[in-house]
Amino acid sequence: MKKQNKIILYQAKDGQLEFRGDMRKETLWATQQQIADVFGIERSVVTKHIRNILKDRELDKDSVCANFAHTADDGKTYQVQFYNLDIILAVGYRTNSGRAITFRQWATKTLKQHLLEGYTINKKRIAQNYDKFLDAVERVRALLPTETIVSHSDVLELVKMFGDTWMSLHAYDKQLFDRKGTKKKVRVTAEDLSMALTQLKKKLVQKGEATEIFGQGRTKDSVEGIVGNVFQSFGGKDLYPTVEAKAAHLLYFMVKNHPFTDGNKRSGAFAFVWFLSRARLLKSSLTPEALTALTLLIAESKPSDKERMVGLVAVLLGR
């Protein structure tokens, strides 16, 4: 186990390469000696493997090698060549030591899981939440029809949005949605939304991602009717009092009411993001993948689950 630039690199008993420290660069750098220590081999063996890896053009030298200032035990600073994670992995696959074999067994198992399941899980990094995490994945999957086209990775994006407490999924099961939210005036008109949707159509047609029938209303006042429903009031009070509730209902009505002959899901997702942007409540956690999964989740949901679906969206926005 070696430490360099706040990074500690070692091999766990199951063969997994683990590192602790500053991972802002999303990689790590190690000397030949550090790589040798990880796989339990001589430094000369590492040198030979690296030479062959670069000779075979398996990796590009300029991308995987770098010189850094290194303070030695004698207190002097030297320029030492370091190698990134790609080299470390490549050496692990070329080495025949017991540690390297264990590493390859772990790596193969991890790769197989990723290919078959669509994701991999580091149990230690989610520690006490591991069982709850798996439960969350299965619950989100259960919300989707068997033949859904939502991918595993998109489902996981939705899981991320539920936060660390996993309470949103419990709330979905029990229909215990918190009615609290952001109460501020965000007024939009059907004309505003229609103009925005027209610009969306123009861009999609230019890119070849839509045809002229995209966004054509089934009736003259299709968008106006939806906006009217979202912003309706009674006795001077909004039926949907929070911004989150309005956004959730806008998404639901745009997708489920099929106001257009084509492009209802894309138009609904766009209107949802457009409204949240106007309200300044658009969060980075609402990734394109999560938005796709959420839109398809609503599109394929049962009409009887309407209150659950809009409640779920509102909860997600409030986390």
Protein backbone atom coordinates (compact mmCIF):
# COMPACT_ATOMS: atom_id res chain seq x y z
CA MET A 1 0.00 0.00 0.00
CA LYS A 2 1.50 3.31 -1.11
CA LYS A 3 0.48 6.92 -0.69
CA GLN A 4 1.11 9.64 -3.27
CA ASN A 5 -0.61 13.01 -3.72
CA LYS A 6 -3.26 12.09 -1.12
CA ILE A 7 -4.02 8.85 -2.96
CA ILE A 8 -3.79 5.45 -1.29
CA LEU A 9 -3.92 2.57 -3.75
CA TYR A 10 -4.30 -1.05 -2.67
CA GLN A 11 -5.91 -4.31 -3.61
CA ALA A 12 -8.76 -5.72 -1.54
CA LYS A 13 -9.01 -9.42 -0.69
CA ASP A 14 -11.54 -9.99 -3.46
CA GLY A 15 -9.14 -8.54 -6.04
CA GLN A 16 -10.80 -5.17 -6.32
CA LEU A 17 -8.53 -2.18 -6.81
CA GLU A 18 -9.41 0.44 -4.25
CA PHE A 19 -8.16 3.95 -3.70
CA ARG A 20 -8.76 6.60 -1.09
CA GLY A 21 -8.07 10.29 -1.28
CA ASP A 22 -8.49 13.11 -3.74
CA MET A 23 -10.30 11.75 -6.82
CA ARG A 24 -11.34 15.06 -8.40
CA LYS A 25 -9.57 14.11 -11.64
CA GLU A 26 -11.55 10.83 -11.77
CA THR A 27 -8.35 8.84 -12.17
CA LEU A 28 -5.17 8.22 -10.20
CA TRP A 29 -1.46 8.16 -10.90
CA ALA A 30 1.03 5.60 -9.61
CA THR A 31 4.73 4.92 -9.99
CA GLN A 32 6.04 1.63 -11.32
CA GLN A 33 6.94 0.61 -7.77
CA GLN A 34 3.41 1.33 -6.55
CA ILE A 35 1.95 -0.77 -9.34
CA ALA A 36 4.37 -3.55 -8.46
CA ASP A 37 3.27 -3.42 -4.82
CA VAL A 38 -0.41 -3.68 -5.77
CA PHE A 39 0.04 -6.87 -7.81
CA GLY A 40 2.85 -8.39 -5.71
CA ILE A 41 5.49 -8.44 -8.47
CA GLU A 42 8.95 -7.02 -9.11
CA ARG A 43 9.29 -3.54 -10.52
CA SER A 44 11.23 -4.93 -13.48
CA VAL A 45 8.14 -6.95 -14.46
CA VAL A 46 6.03 -3.81 -14.43
CA THR A 47 8.62 -2.03 -16.59
CA LYS A 48 8.48 -4.87 -19.13
CA HIS A 49 4.70 -4.90 -19.27
CA ILE A 50 4.44 -1.13 -19.67
CA ARG A 51 7.01 -1.21 -22.48
CA ASN A 52 5.00 -3.89 -24.31
CA ILE A 53 1.65 -2.14 -23.69
CA LEU A 54 2.95 1.04 -25.31
CA LYS A 55 4.78 -0.86 -28.06
CA ASP A 56 1.60 -2.72 -28.99
CA ARG A 57 -0.24 0.62 -28.99
CA GLU A 58 -2.76 -0.77 -26.56
CA LEU A 59 -2.59 2.64 -24.89
CA ASP A 60 -1.25 6.00 -25.97
CA LYS A 61 1.84 7.11 -24.03
CA ASP A 62 0.88 10.79 -24.03
CA SER A 63 -2.46 9.95 -22.41
CA VAL A 64 -1.34 7.52 -19.73
CA CYS A 65 2.10 8.80 -18.68
CA ALA A 66 3.09 12.02 -16.95
CA ASN A 67 6.04 13.42 -15.01
CA PHE A 68 5.35 14.82 -11.55
CA ALA A 69 7.58 16.33 -8.90
CA HIS A 70 8.14 13.74 -6.16
CA THR A 71 9.80 14.31 -2.80
CA ALA A 72 12.01 11.34 -1.93
CA ASP A 73 12.99 10.04 1.49
CA ASP A 74 16.18 12.14 1.35
CA GLY A 75 14.07 15.30 1.24
CA LYS A 76 15.03 16.14 -2.35
CA THR A 77 12.51 16.67 -5.13
CA TYR A 78 12.81 14.68 -8.33
CA GLN A 79 10.83 14.42 -11.55
CA VAL A 80 9.31 10.94 -11.54
CA GLN A 81 7.22 9.25 -14.23
CA PHE A 82 3.73 8.26 -13.15
CA TYR A 83 1.13 6.10 -14.88
CA ASN A 84 -2.64 6.46 -14.75
CA LEU A 85 -5.40 3.97 -13.99
CA ASP A 86 -5.51 2.64 -17.57
CA ILE A 87 -1.93 1.43 -17.28
CA ILE A 88 -2.56 -0.07 -13.85
CA LEU A 89 -5.47 -2.11 -15.20
CA ALA A 90 -3.54 -3.16 -18.30
CA VAL A 91 -0.63 -4.39 -16.19
CA GLY A 92 -3.06 -6.34 -14.02
CA TYR A 93 -4.30 -8.22 -17.09
CA ARG A 94 -0.76 -9.09 -18.23
CA THR A 95 0.60 -10.25 -14.89
CA ASN A 96 0.56 -13.85 -13.62
CA SER A 97 0.96 -13.33 -9.89
CA GLY A 98 -1.62 -14.58 -7.42
CA ARG A 99 -2.80 -11.04 -6.71
CA ALA A 100 -3.18 -10.28 -10.41
CA ILE A 101 -5.22 -13.46 -10.94
CA THR A 102 -7.53 -12.46 -8.09
CA PHE A 103 -7.80 -8.99 -9.61
CA ARG A 104 -8.79 -10.42 -13.00
CA GLN A 105 -11.42 -12.66 -11.42
CA TRP A 106 -12.95 -9.64 -9.72
CA ALA A 107 -12.69 -7.50 -12.87
CA THR A 108 -14.34 -10.16 -15.05
CA LYS A 109 -17.16 -10.61 -12.55
CA THR A 110 -17.71 -6.85 -12.40
CA LEU A 111 -17.69 -6.49 -16.19
CA LYS A 112 -20.13 -9.40 -16.56
CA GLN A 113 -22.51 -7.82 -14.07
CA HIS A 114 -22.35 -4.50 -15.93
CA LEU A 115 -23.06 -6.13 -19.30
CA LEU A 116 -25.94 -8.26 -18.02
CA GLU A 117 -27.55 -5.89 -15.52
CA GLY A 118 -26.68 -2.53 -17.08
CA TYR A 119 -24.98 -1.27 -13.91
CA THR A 120 -22.39 -2.21 -11.29
CA ILE A 121 -22.48 -1.60 -7.59
CA ASN A 122 -19.69 -0.86 -5.11
CA LYS A 123 -21.16 -2.26 -1.89
CA LYS A 124 -18.62 -0.54 0.36
CA ARG A 125 -19.31 2.93 -1.05
CA ILE A 126 -23.01 2.74 -0.31
CA ALA A 127 -22.40 0.72 2.87
CA GLN A 128 -25.47 0.68 5.11
CA ASN A 129 -27.76 1.78 2.29
CA TYR A 130 -26.90 -1.19 0.05
CA ASP A 131 -30.02 -3.25 0.76
CA LYS A 132 -32.20 -0.14 0.52
CA PHE A 133 -30.51 0.74 -2.76
CA LEU A 134 -31.33 -2.65 -4.29
CA ASP A 135 -34.85 -2.36 -2.98
CA ALA A 136 -35.16 1.08 -4.56
CA VAL A 137 -34.01 -0.24 -7.93
CA GLU A 138 -36.55 -3.06 -7.81
CA ARG A 139 -39.35 -0.73 -6.76
CA VAL A 140 -38.72 1.63 -9.65
CA ARG A 141 -38.55 -1.33 -12.01
CA ALA A 142 -41.87 -2.54 -10.62
CA LEU A 143 -43.49 0.77 -11.55
CA LEU A 144 -42.68 0.14 -15.20
CA PRO A 145 -44.59 -2.22 -17.51
CA THR A 146 -42.86 -5.49 -18.35
CA GLU A 147 -42.25 -4.52 -21.96
CA THR A 148 -41.05 -0.98 -21.17
CA ILE A 149 -38.28 0.53 -23.27
CA VAL A 150 -36.76 2.35 -20.29
CA SER A 151 -33.17 1.14 -19.85
CA HIS A 152 -31.59 0.04 -16.57
CA SER A 153 -29.31 3.09 -16.61
CA ASP A 154 -32.31 5.41 -16.98
CA VAL A 155 -34.02 3.69 -14.05
CA LEU A 156 -30.91 4.25 -11.95
CA GLU A 157 -31.01 7.95 -12.83
CA LEU A 158 -34.49 8.02 -11.32
CA VAL A 159 -33.25 6.20 -8.22
CA LYS A 160 -30.56 8.87 -7.75
CA MET A 161 -33.26 11.51 -7.64
CA PHE A 162 -34.95 9.88 -4.66
CA GLY A 163 -32.18 11.02 -2.35
CA ASP A 164 -30.41 9.29 0.51
CA THR A 165 -33.45 8.53 2.65
CA TRP A 166 -35.36 6.55 0.01
CA MET A 167 -38.55 7.98 1.48
CA SER A 168 -40.05 8.94 -1.86
CA LEU A 169 -40.51 5.31 -2.87
CA HIS A 170 -42.10 4.53 0.47
CA ALA A 171 -44.38 7.51 -0.04
CA TYR A 172 -45.34 6.18 -3.46
CA ASP A 173 -46.34 2.85 -1.97
CA LYS A 174 -48.38 4.40 0.84
CA GLN A 175 -49.58 7.50 -1.08
CA LEU A 176 -48.21 9.67 1.74
CA PHE A 177 -47.01 12.53 -0.41
CA ASP A 178 -46.04 15.71 1.38
CA ARG A 179 -48.19 18.57 0.10
CA LYS A 180 -45.57 21.17 0.97
CA GLY A 181 -43.65 22.88 -1.78
CA THR A 182 -42.61 26.17 -3.30
CA LYS A 183 -45.42 28.69 -3.16
CA LYS A 184 -44.70 31.60 -5.46
CA LYS A 185 -46.37 33.14 -8.45
CA VAL A 186 -45.14 31.71 -11.74
CA ARG A 187 -47.62 32.74 -14.37
CA VAL A 188 -47.39 31.46 -17.92
CA THR A 189 -49.92 31.57 -20.70
CA ALA A 190 -50.92 29.06 -23.33
CA GLU A 191 -49.49 31.47 -25.89
CA ASP A 192 -46.10 31.45 -24.12
CA LEU A 193 -45.97 27.66 -24.11
CA SER A 194 -47.22 27.34 -27.68
CA MET A 195 -44.50 29.71 -28.92
CA ALA A 196 -41.85 27.71 -27.05
CA LEU A 197 -43.17 24.43 -28.49
CA THR A 198 -43.14 25.96 -31.99
CA GLN A 199 -39.45 26.80 -31.55
CA LEU A 200 -38.81 23.25 -30.33
CA LYS A 201 -40.49 21.83 -33.42
CA LYS A 202 -38.45 24.10 -35.69
CA LYS A 203 -35.18 22.92 -34.17
CA LEU A 204 -36.15 19.24 -34.28
CA VAL A 205 -37.23 19.46 -37.92
CA GLN A 206 -33.97 21.19 -38.85
CA LYS A 207 -32.03 18.38 -37.17
CA GLY A 208 -34.10 15.75 -38.94
CA GLU A 209 -35.45 14.49 -35.60
CA ALA A 210 -39.08 15.31 -36.31
CA THR A 211 -41.49 15.79 -39.21
CA GLU A 212 -44.05 18.49 -39.93
CA ILE A 213 -46.77 16.54 -38.12
CA PHE A 214 -44.82 16.90 -34.85
CA GLY A 215 -46.72 19.02 -32.35
CA GLN A 216 -49.85 19.45 -34.47
CA GLY A 217 -52.76 19.93 -32.11
CA ARG A 218 -55.66 17.51 -32.18
CA THR A 219 -57.93 20.43 -31.39
CA LYS A 220 -57.48 24.18 -31.77
CA ASP A 221 -57.23 24.88 -28.06
CA SER A 222 -55.40 21.72 -26.88
CA VAL A 223 -52.51 23.53 -25.18
CA GLU A 224 -54.77 26.27 -23.85
CA GLY A 225 -56.95 23.66 -22.17
CA ILE A 226 -54.00 22.03 -20.43
CA VAL A 227 -52.55 25.32 -19.20
CA GLY A 228 -56.00 26.30 -17.96
CA ASN A 229 -56.25 23.06 -15.98
CA VAL A 230 -52.83 23.54 -14.40
CA PHE A 231 -53.53 27.11 -13.31
CA GLN A 232 -57.20 26.78 -12.42
CA SER A 233 -58.37 28.27 -9.15
CA PHE A 234 -61.46 28.26 -6.96
CA GLY A 235 -62.42 30.91 -4.46
CA GLY A 236 -59.23 32.83 -5.18
CA LYS A 237 -56.99 29.83 -4.39
CA ASP A 238 -55.03 27.75 -6.89
CA LEU A 239 -56.15 24.15 -7.20
CA TYR A 240 -52.48 23.17 -7.38
CA PRO A 241 -50.92 25.58 -4.86
CA THR A 242 -47.22 24.77 -5.29
CA VAL A 243 -44.87 25.19 -8.23
CA GLU A 244 -43.93 21.51 -7.92
CA ALA A 245 -47.57 20.44 -8.17
CA LYS A 246 -48.14 22.65 -11.20
CA ALA A 247 -45.03 21.28 -12.95
CA ALA A 248 -46.03 17.70 -12.19
CA HIS A 249 -49.55 18.19 -13.55
CA LEU A 250 -48.26 20.00 -16.63
CA LEU A 251 -46.03 17.03 -17.43
CA TYR A 252 -48.82 14.54 -16.75
CA PHE A 253 -51.48 16.33 -18.81
CA MET A 254 -49.13 16.97 -21.74
CA VAL A 255 -48.16 13.30 -21.88
CA LYS A 256 -51.42 11.55 -20.97
CA ASN A 257 -54.00 13.81 -22.63
CA HIS A 258 -52.36 13.38 -26.06
CA PRO A 259 -52.95 16.97 -27.19
CA PHE A 260 -50.88 16.42 -30.35
CA THR A 261 -51.05 13.97 -33.23
CA ASP A 262 -47.32 13.30 -32.76
CA GLY A 263 -44.64 14.13 -30.20
CA ASN A 264 -46.67 14.17 -26.98
CA LYS A 265 -43.91 12.71 -24.78
CA ARG A 266 -41.18 14.98 -26.14
CA SER A 267 -43.46 18.00 -25.97
CA GLY A 268 -44.46 17.10 -22.42
CA ALA A 269 -40.88 16.70 -21.26
CA PHE A 270 -39.95 20.00 -22.92
CA ALA A 271 -42.90 21.83 -21.33
CA PHE A 272 -41.95 20.39 -17.94
CA VAL A 273 -38.35 21.62 -18.16
CA TRP A 274 -39.44 24.92 -19.72
CA PHE A 275 -41.81 25.64 -16.82
CA LEU A 276 -39.26 24.64 -14.17
CA SER A 277 -36.72 26.95 -15.81
CA ARG A 278 -39.18 29.82 -15.69
CA ALA A 279 -39.79 29.04 -12.03
CA ARG A 280 -36.03 28.74 -11.39
CA LEU A 281 -36.51 25.29 -9.90
CA LEU A 282 -34.71 23.21 -12.53
CA LYS A 283 -32.25 20.94 -10.71
CA SER A 284 -29.07 19.31 -11.97
CA SER A 285 -30.37 15.96 -10.68
CA LEU A 286 -32.99 16.04 -13.43
CA THR A 287 -30.64 14.59 -16.02
CA PRO A 288 -31.80 13.85 -19.59
CA GLU A 289 -31.83 10.15 -18.70
CA ALA A 290 -33.95 10.72 -15.59
CA LEU A 291 -36.33 12.96 -17.55
CA THR A 292 -36.68 10.28 -20.23
CA ALA A 293 -37.46 7.59 -17.66
CA LEU A 294 -39.88 9.84 -15.80
CA THR A 295 -41.74 10.77 -18.98
CA LEU A 296 -42.05 7.15 -20.10
CA LEU A 297 -43.10 6.16 -16.60
CA ILE A 298 -46.03 8.58 -16.83
CA ALA A 299 -46.83 7.64 -20.43
CA GLU A 300 -47.14 3.96 -19.57
CA SER A 301 -48.86 4.38 -16.21
CA LYS A 302 -52.48 3.43 -15.56
CA PRO A 303 -55.02 6.29 -15.49
CA SER A 304 -56.03 5.11 -12.01
CA ASP A 305 -52.49 5.90 -10.81
CA LYS A 306 -52.70 9.56 -11.81
CA GLU A 307 -52.54 10.96 -8.27
CA ARG A 308 -49.62 8.70 -7.45
CA MET A 309 -47.70 9.76 -10.54
CA VAL A 310 -48.08 13.51 -10.10
CA GLY A 311 -47.39 13.11 -6.38
CA LEU A 312 -44.21 11.20 -7.16
CA VAL A 313 -43.01 13.90 -9.58
CA ALA A 314 -43.78 16.63 -7.03
CA VAL A 315 -41.81 14.78 -4.35
CA LEU A 316 -38.84 14.34 -6.69
CA LEU A 317 -38.81 18.07 -7.45
CA GLY A 318 -38.88 18.90 -3.76
CA ARG A 319 -35.92 16.76 -2.74
